[in-house]
């Protein structure tokens, strides 16, 4: 039996700028589908019909002031900010390390600068809403979602290619 890989360390990059030592915590995006119950004549129960992906958000915490990130607030385009999570996951049984990378593009929806109290932590919390998401493990593309271009590639299979072709894109 094997042991799972556990996160041992990570870094966050904002448009190529390393935040090493400046981001103590982040919540990686949750992937979720918009689904709806469907039942019709002859069926003995509902099934969930899959429509589209739900919105993707990356929540992250800066240990203090990051002027370059603050200057991105109110970005005009849906993909103005690129954030890249680089994580090292290691197995306790073999010591093997998996390189996990998540790249998102979007814009900051919320910036919460928190409480200002002398001698206390001054964390700033960011919520970045994303129009692009890509998960890579050990250099292999696992999931790529490009909402604006209708691209959804999972495990190397382009699941929306036929739909794009049918609508002329």
C-alpha atoms as a PDB file:
ATOM      1  CA  UNK A   1       0.000   0.000   0.000  1.00  0.00           C
ATOM      2  CA  UNK A   2       1.138   3.486  -0.771  1.00  0.00           C
ATOM      3  CA  UNK A   3       0.875   6.714   1.120  1.00  0.00           C
ATOM      4  CA  UNK A   4      -0.686   9.815  -0.431  1.00  0.00           C
ATOM      5  CA  UNK A   5       1.387  12.798  -1.454  1.00  0.00           C
ATOM      6  CA  UNK A   6       1.047  15.658   1.040  1.00  0.00           C
ATOM      7  CA  UNK A   7       1.799  19.329   0.456  1.00  0.00           C
ATOM      8  CA  UNK A   8       5.239  20.077   1.911  1.00  0.00           C
ATOM      9  CA  UNK A   9       5.785  23.586   0.550  1.00  0.00           C
ATOM     10  CA  UNK A  10       4.500  26.038  -2.031  1.00  0.00           C
ATOM     11  CA  UNK A  11       5.011  29.373  -3.683  1.00  0.00           C
ATOM     12  CA  UNK A  12       2.598  31.770  -5.351  1.00  0.00           C
ATOM     13  CA  UNK A  13       3.575  33.885  -8.350  1.00  0.00           C
ATOM     14  CA  UNK A  14       1.610  36.956  -9.449  1.00  0.00           C
ATOM     15  CA  UNK A  15       2.303  37.830 -13.087  1.00  0.00           C
ATOM     16  CA  UNK A  16       5.715  36.203 -12.680  1.00  0.00           C
ATOM     17  CA  UNK A  17       6.579  37.932  -9.391  1.00  0.00           C
ATOM     18  CA  UNK A  18       7.471  35.418  -6.685  1.00  0.00           C
ATOM     19  CA  UNK A  19       5.686  35.806  -3.369  1.00  0.00           C
ATOM     20  CA  UNK A  20       8.004  33.344  -1.615  1.00  0.00           C
ATOM     21  CA  UNK A  21       7.684  33.911   2.122  1.00  0.00           C
ATOM     22  CA  UNK A  22       4.820  36.390   1.665  1.00  0.00           C
ATOM     23  CA  UNK A  23       1.753  34.150   1.233  1.00  0.00           C
ATOM     24  CA  UNK A  24       1.162  31.950   4.282  1.00  0.00           C
ATOM     25  CA  UNK A  25      -2.075  30.429   3.058  1.00  0.00           C
ATOM     26  CA  UNK A  26      -4.305  29.977   0.053  1.00  0.00           C
ATOM     27  CA  UNK A  27      -7.405  28.029  -0.865  1.00  0.00           C
ATOM     28  CA  UNK A  28      -6.995  26.343  -4.199  1.00  0.00           C
ATOM     29  CA  UNK A  29      -9.950  26.647  -6.570  1.00  0.00           C
ATOM     30  CA  UNK A  30     -12.841  24.249  -6.166  1.00  0.00           C
ATOM     31  CA  UNK A  31     -13.927  22.652  -9.414  1.00  0.00           C
ATOM     32  CA  UNK A  32     -17.685  22.222  -9.564  1.00  0.00           C
ATOM     33  CA  UNK A  33     -20.324  21.583 -12.227  1.00  0.00           C
ATOM     34  CA  UNK A  34     -23.721  23.250 -12.624  1.00  0.00           C
ATOM     35  CA  UNK A  35     -26.136  20.332 -12.666  1.00  0.00           C
ATOM     36  CA  UNK A  36     -29.902  20.077 -12.529  1.00  0.00           C
ATOM     37  CA  UNK A  37     -32.254  17.212 -11.760  1.00  0.00           C
ATOM     38  CA  UNK A  38     -34.115  15.850 -14.771  1.00  0.00           C
ATOM     39  CA  UNK A  39     -36.938  13.333 -14.764  1.00  0.00           C
ATOM     40  CA  UNK A  40     -39.341  12.497 -17.598  1.00  0.00           C
ATOM     41  CA  UNK A  41     -41.939   9.946 -18.558  1.00  0.00           C
ATOM     42  CA  UNK A  42     -40.754   6.362 -18.272  1.00  0.00           C
ATOM     43  CA  UNK A  43     -37.954   7.214 -15.817  1.00  0.00           C
ATOM     44  CA  UNK A  44     -38.126   5.854 -12.270  1.00  0.00           C
ATOM     45  CA  UNK A  45     -36.071   8.650 -10.757  1.00  0.00           C
ATOM     46  CA  UNK A  46     -34.121  11.799 -11.561  1.00  0.00           C
ATOM     47  CA  UNK A  47     -30.664  12.053 -13.039  1.00  0.00           C
ATOM     48  CA  UNK A  48     -28.521  15.135 -12.876  1.00  0.00           C
ATOM     49  CA  UNK A  49     -27.974  16.806 -16.234  1.00  0.00           C
ATOM     50  CA  UNK A  50     -24.571  18.467 -16.589  1.00  0.00           C
ATOM     51  CA  UNK A  51     -24.597  21.980 -18.066  1.00  0.00           C
ATOM     52  CA  UNK A  52     -21.369  23.909 -17.475  1.00  0.00           C
ATOM     53  CA  UNK A  53     -18.624  24.594 -14.965  1.00  0.00           C
ATOM     54  CA  UNK A  54     -19.431  26.787 -12.011  1.00  0.00           C
ATOM     55  CA  UNK A  55     -17.308  29.858 -11.317  1.00  0.00           C
ATOM     56  CA  UNK A  56     -13.733  29.346 -10.208  1.00  0.00           C
ATOM     57  CA  UNK A  57     -12.150  31.410  -7.447  1.00  0.00           C
ATOM     58  CA  UNK A  58      -8.756  31.419  -5.773  1.00  0.00           C
ATOM     59  CA  UNK A  59      -8.646  32.751  -2.222  1.00  0.00           C
ATOM     60  CA  UNK A  60      -5.248  33.699  -0.918  1.00  0.00           C
ATOM     61  CA  UNK A  61      -3.751  35.522   2.026  1.00  0.00           C
ATOM     62  CA  UNK A  62      -0.793  37.881   1.931  1.00  0.00           C
ATOM     63  CA  UNK A  63       1.156  38.250   5.156  1.00  0.00           C
ATOM     64  CA  UNK A  64       1.175  42.003   4.673  1.00  0.00           C
ATOM     65  CA  UNK A  65       1.276  44.753   2.099  1.00  0.00           C
ATOM     66  CA  UNK A  66       1.739  43.735  -1.564  1.00  0.00           C
ATOM     67  CA  UNK A  67       1.513  46.968  -3.550  1.00  0.00           C
ATOM     68  CA  UNK A  68       1.710  45.264  -6.959  1.00  0.00           C
ATOM     69  CA  UNK A  69      -1.318  43.100  -6.112  1.00  0.00           C
ATOM     70  CA  UNK A  70      -3.260  46.078  -4.767  1.00  0.00           C
ATOM     71  CA  UNK A  71      -2.607  47.933  -8.029  1.00  0.00           C
ATOM     72  CA  UNK A  72      -4.392  45.135  -9.917  1.00  0.00           C
ATOM     73  CA  UNK A  73      -7.724  45.922  -8.228  1.00  0.00           C
ATOM     74  CA  UNK A  74     -10.433  46.931 -10.687  1.00  0.00           C
ATOM     75  CA  UNK A  75      -8.647  45.361 -13.653  1.00  0.00           C
ATOM     76  CA  UNK A  76     -10.693  45.927 -16.786  1.00  0.00           C
ATOM     77  CA  UNK A  77     -10.294  42.560 -18.509  1.00  0.00           C
ATOM     78  CA  UNK A  78     -11.469  39.153 -17.272  1.00  0.00           C
ATOM     79  CA  UNK A  79      -7.942  37.702 -17.499  1.00  0.00           C
ATOM     80  CA  UNK A  80      -5.830  40.657 -16.359  1.00  0.00           C
ATOM     81  CA  UNK A  81      -4.060  38.837 -13.515  1.00  0.00           C
ATOM     82  CA  UNK A  82      -2.162  35.557 -13.777  1.00  0.00           C
ATOM     83  CA  UNK A  83      -1.516  33.651 -10.560  1.00  0.00           C
ATOM     84  CA  UNK A  84       0.582  30.492 -10.478  1.00  0.00           C
ATOM     85  CA  UNK A  85       0.633  28.099  -7.541  1.00  0.00           C
ATOM     86  CA  UNK A  86       3.708  25.849  -7.461  1.00  0.00           C
ATOM     87  CA  UNK A  87       3.399  23.113  -4.851  1.00  0.00           C
ATOM     88  CA  UNK A  88       5.673  20.293  -3.760  1.00  0.00           C
ATOM     89  CA  UNK A  89       3.710  17.236  -2.620  1.00  0.00           C
ATOM     90  CA  UNK A  90       5.739  14.411  -1.052  1.00  0.00           C
ATOM     91  CA  UNK A  91       4.933  10.805  -0.190  1.00  0.00           C
ATOM     92  CA  UNK A  92       5.879   9.599   3.279  1.00  0.00           C
ATOM     93  CA  UNK A  93       6.537   6.026   2.153  1.00  0.00           C
ATOM     94  CA  UNK A  94       8.892   6.663  -0.784  1.00  0.00           C
ATOM     95  CA  UNK A  95       9.932  10.304  -0.426  1.00  0.00           C
ATOM     96  CA  UNK A  96       8.848  10.854  -4.034  1.00  0.00           C
ATOM     97  CA  UNK A  97       7.967  14.486  -4.777  1.00  0.00           C
ATOM     98  CA  UNK A  98       5.171  15.528  -7.132  1.00  0.00           C
ATOM     99  CA  UNK A  99       5.358  18.997  -8.683  1.00  0.00           C
ATOM    100  CA  UNK A 100       1.843  20.448  -8.833  1.00  0.00           C
ATOM    101  CA  UNK A 101       1.174  23.667 -10.691  1.00  0.00           C
ATOM    102  CA  UNK A 102      -2.113  25.534 -10.929  1.00  0.00           C
ATOM    103  CA  UNK A 103      -2.288  28.555 -13.207  1.00  0.00           C
ATOM    104  CA  UNK A 104      -5.320  30.824 -13.149  1.00  0.00           C
ATOM    105  CA  UNK A 105      -6.111  34.015 -14.987  1.00  0.00           C
ATOM    106  CA  UNK A 106      -8.729  36.427 -13.751  1.00  0.00           C
ATOM    107  CA  UNK A 107      -9.075  39.535 -11.622  1.00  0.00           C
ATOM    108  CA  UNK A 108      -9.310  40.359  -7.940  1.00  0.00           C
ATOM    109  CA  UNK A 109     -12.944  40.428  -6.876  1.00  0.00           C
ATOM    110  CA  UNK A 110     -12.263  41.309  -3.242  1.00  0.00           C
ATOM    111  CA  UNK A 111      -9.332  42.639  -1.255  1.00  0.00           C
ATOM    112  CA  UNK A 112      -9.815  42.594   2.493  1.00  0.00           C
ATOM    113  CA  UNK A 113      -7.054  44.467   4.276  1.00  0.00           C
ATOM    114  CA  UNK A 114      -8.228  43.280   7.707  1.00  0.00           C
ATOM    115  CA  UNK A 115      -7.722  44.897  11.061  1.00  0.00           C
ATOM    116  CA  UNK A 116      -4.950  47.361  11.718  1.00  0.00           C
ATOM    117  CA  UNK A 117      -3.606  46.847  15.216  1.00  0.00           C
ATOM    118  CA  UNK A 118      -0.076  47.620  16.286  1.00  0.00           C
ATOM    119  CA  UNK A 119       1.907  44.481  17.047  1.00  0.00           C
ATOM    120  CA  UNK A 120      -0.655  42.113  15.456  1.00  0.00           C
ATOM    121  CA  UNK A 121      -0.721  40.260  12.180  1.00  0.00           C
ATOM    122  CA  UNK A 122      -1.720  42.437   9.247  1.00  0.00           C
ATOM    123  CA  UNK A 123      -2.895  39.809   6.783  1.00  0.00           C
ATOM    124  CA  UNK A 124      -4.589  40.920   3.578  1.00  0.00           C
ATOM    125  CA  UNK A 125      -7.082  38.513   1.987  1.00  0.00           C
ATOM    126  CA  UNK A 126      -7.655  38.326  -1.771  1.00  0.00           C
ATOM    127  CA  UNK A 127     -10.444  36.642  -3.714  1.00  0.00           C
ATOM    128  CA  UNK A 128      -9.525  36.232  -7.364  1.00  0.00           C
ATOM    129  CA  UNK A 129     -12.313  35.196  -9.743  1.00  0.00           C
ATOM    130  CA  UNK A 130     -10.966  33.221 -12.682  1.00  0.00           C
ATOM    131  CA  UNK A 131     -11.834  32.749 -16.334  1.00  0.00           C
ATOM    132  CA  UNK A 132      -8.936  30.321 -16.941  1.00  0.00           C
ATOM    133  CA  UNK A 133      -7.622  27.356 -14.948  1.00  0.00           C
ATOM    134  CA  UNK A 134      -4.894  24.820 -15.671  1.00  0.00           C
ATOM    135  CA  UNK A 135      -3.700  21.985 -13.429  1.00  0.00           C
ATOM    136  CA  UNK A 136      -0.393  20.301 -14.230  1.00  0.00           C
ATOM    137  CA  UNK A 137       1.196  17.443 -12.268  1.00  0.00           C
ATOM    138  CA  UNK A 138       4.847  16.537 -12.910  1.00  0.00           C
ATOM    139  CA  UNK A 139       4.718  18.379 -16.244  1.00  0.00           C
ATOM    140  CA  UNK A 140       1.572  16.571 -17.449  1.00  0.00           C
ATOM    141  CA  UNK A 141      -1.523  18.657 -18.181  1.00  0.00           C
ATOM    142  CA  UNK A 142      -4.415  17.212 -16.174  1.00  0.00           C
ATOM    143  CA  UNK A 143      -7.209  19.805 -16.504  1.00  0.00           C
ATOM    144  CA  UNK A 144      -7.455  22.982 -18.586  1.00  0.00           C
ATOM    145  CA  UNK A 145     -10.543  25.190 -18.509  1.00  0.00           C
ATOM    146  CA  UNK A 146     -10.696  28.297 -20.676  1.00  0.00           C
ATOM    147  CA  UNK A 147     -14.198  29.662 -20.123  1.00  0.00           C
ATOM    148  CA  UNK A 148     -14.148  32.503 -22.651  1.00  0.00           C
ATOM    149  CA  UNK A 149     -12.974  30.211 -25.465  1.00  0.00           C
ATOM    150  CA  UNK A 150     -15.180  27.270 -24.502  1.00  0.00           C
ATOM    151  CA  UNK A 151     -12.234  24.928 -23.921  1.00  0.00           C
ATOM    152  CA  UNK A 152     -12.436  22.045 -21.468  1.00  0.00           C
ATOM    153  CA  UNK A 153      -9.579  19.532 -21.676  1.00  0.00           C
ATOM    154  CA  UNK A 154      -9.401  16.771 -19.062  1.00  0.00           C
ATOM    155  CA  UNK A 155      -6.780  14.051 -19.179  1.00  0.00           C
ATOM    156  CA  UNK A 156      -5.770  15.091 -22.685  1.00  0.00           C
ATOM    157  CA  UNK A 157      -9.326  14.830 -24.039  1.00  0.00           C
ATOM    158  CA  UNK A 158     -10.932  18.015 -25.389  1.00  0.00           C
ATOM    159  CA  UNK A 159     -14.488  17.527 -24.139  1.00  0.00           C
ATOM    160  CA  UNK A 160     -15.905  20.589 -25.878  1.00  0.00           C
ATOM    161  CA  UNK A 161     -14.224  20.315 -29.270  1.00  0.00           C
ATOM    162  CA  UNK A 162     -17.352  18.980 -31.011  1.00  0.00           C
ATOM    163  CA  UNK A 163     -19.550  21.618 -29.401  1.00  0.00           C
ATOM    164  CA  UNK A 164     -17.213  24.416 -30.558  1.00  0.00           C
ATOM    165  CA  UNK A 165     -17.196  22.933 -34.060  1.00  0.00           C
ATOM    166  CA  UNK A 166     -21.026  22.699 -34.078  1.00  0.00           C
ATOM    167  CA  UNK A 167     -21.351  26.406 -33.267  1.00  0.00           C
ATOM    168  CA  UNK A 168     -18.686  27.477 -35.739  1.00  0.00           C
ATOM    169  CA  UNK A 169     -15.752  28.321 -33.507  1.00  0.00           C
END
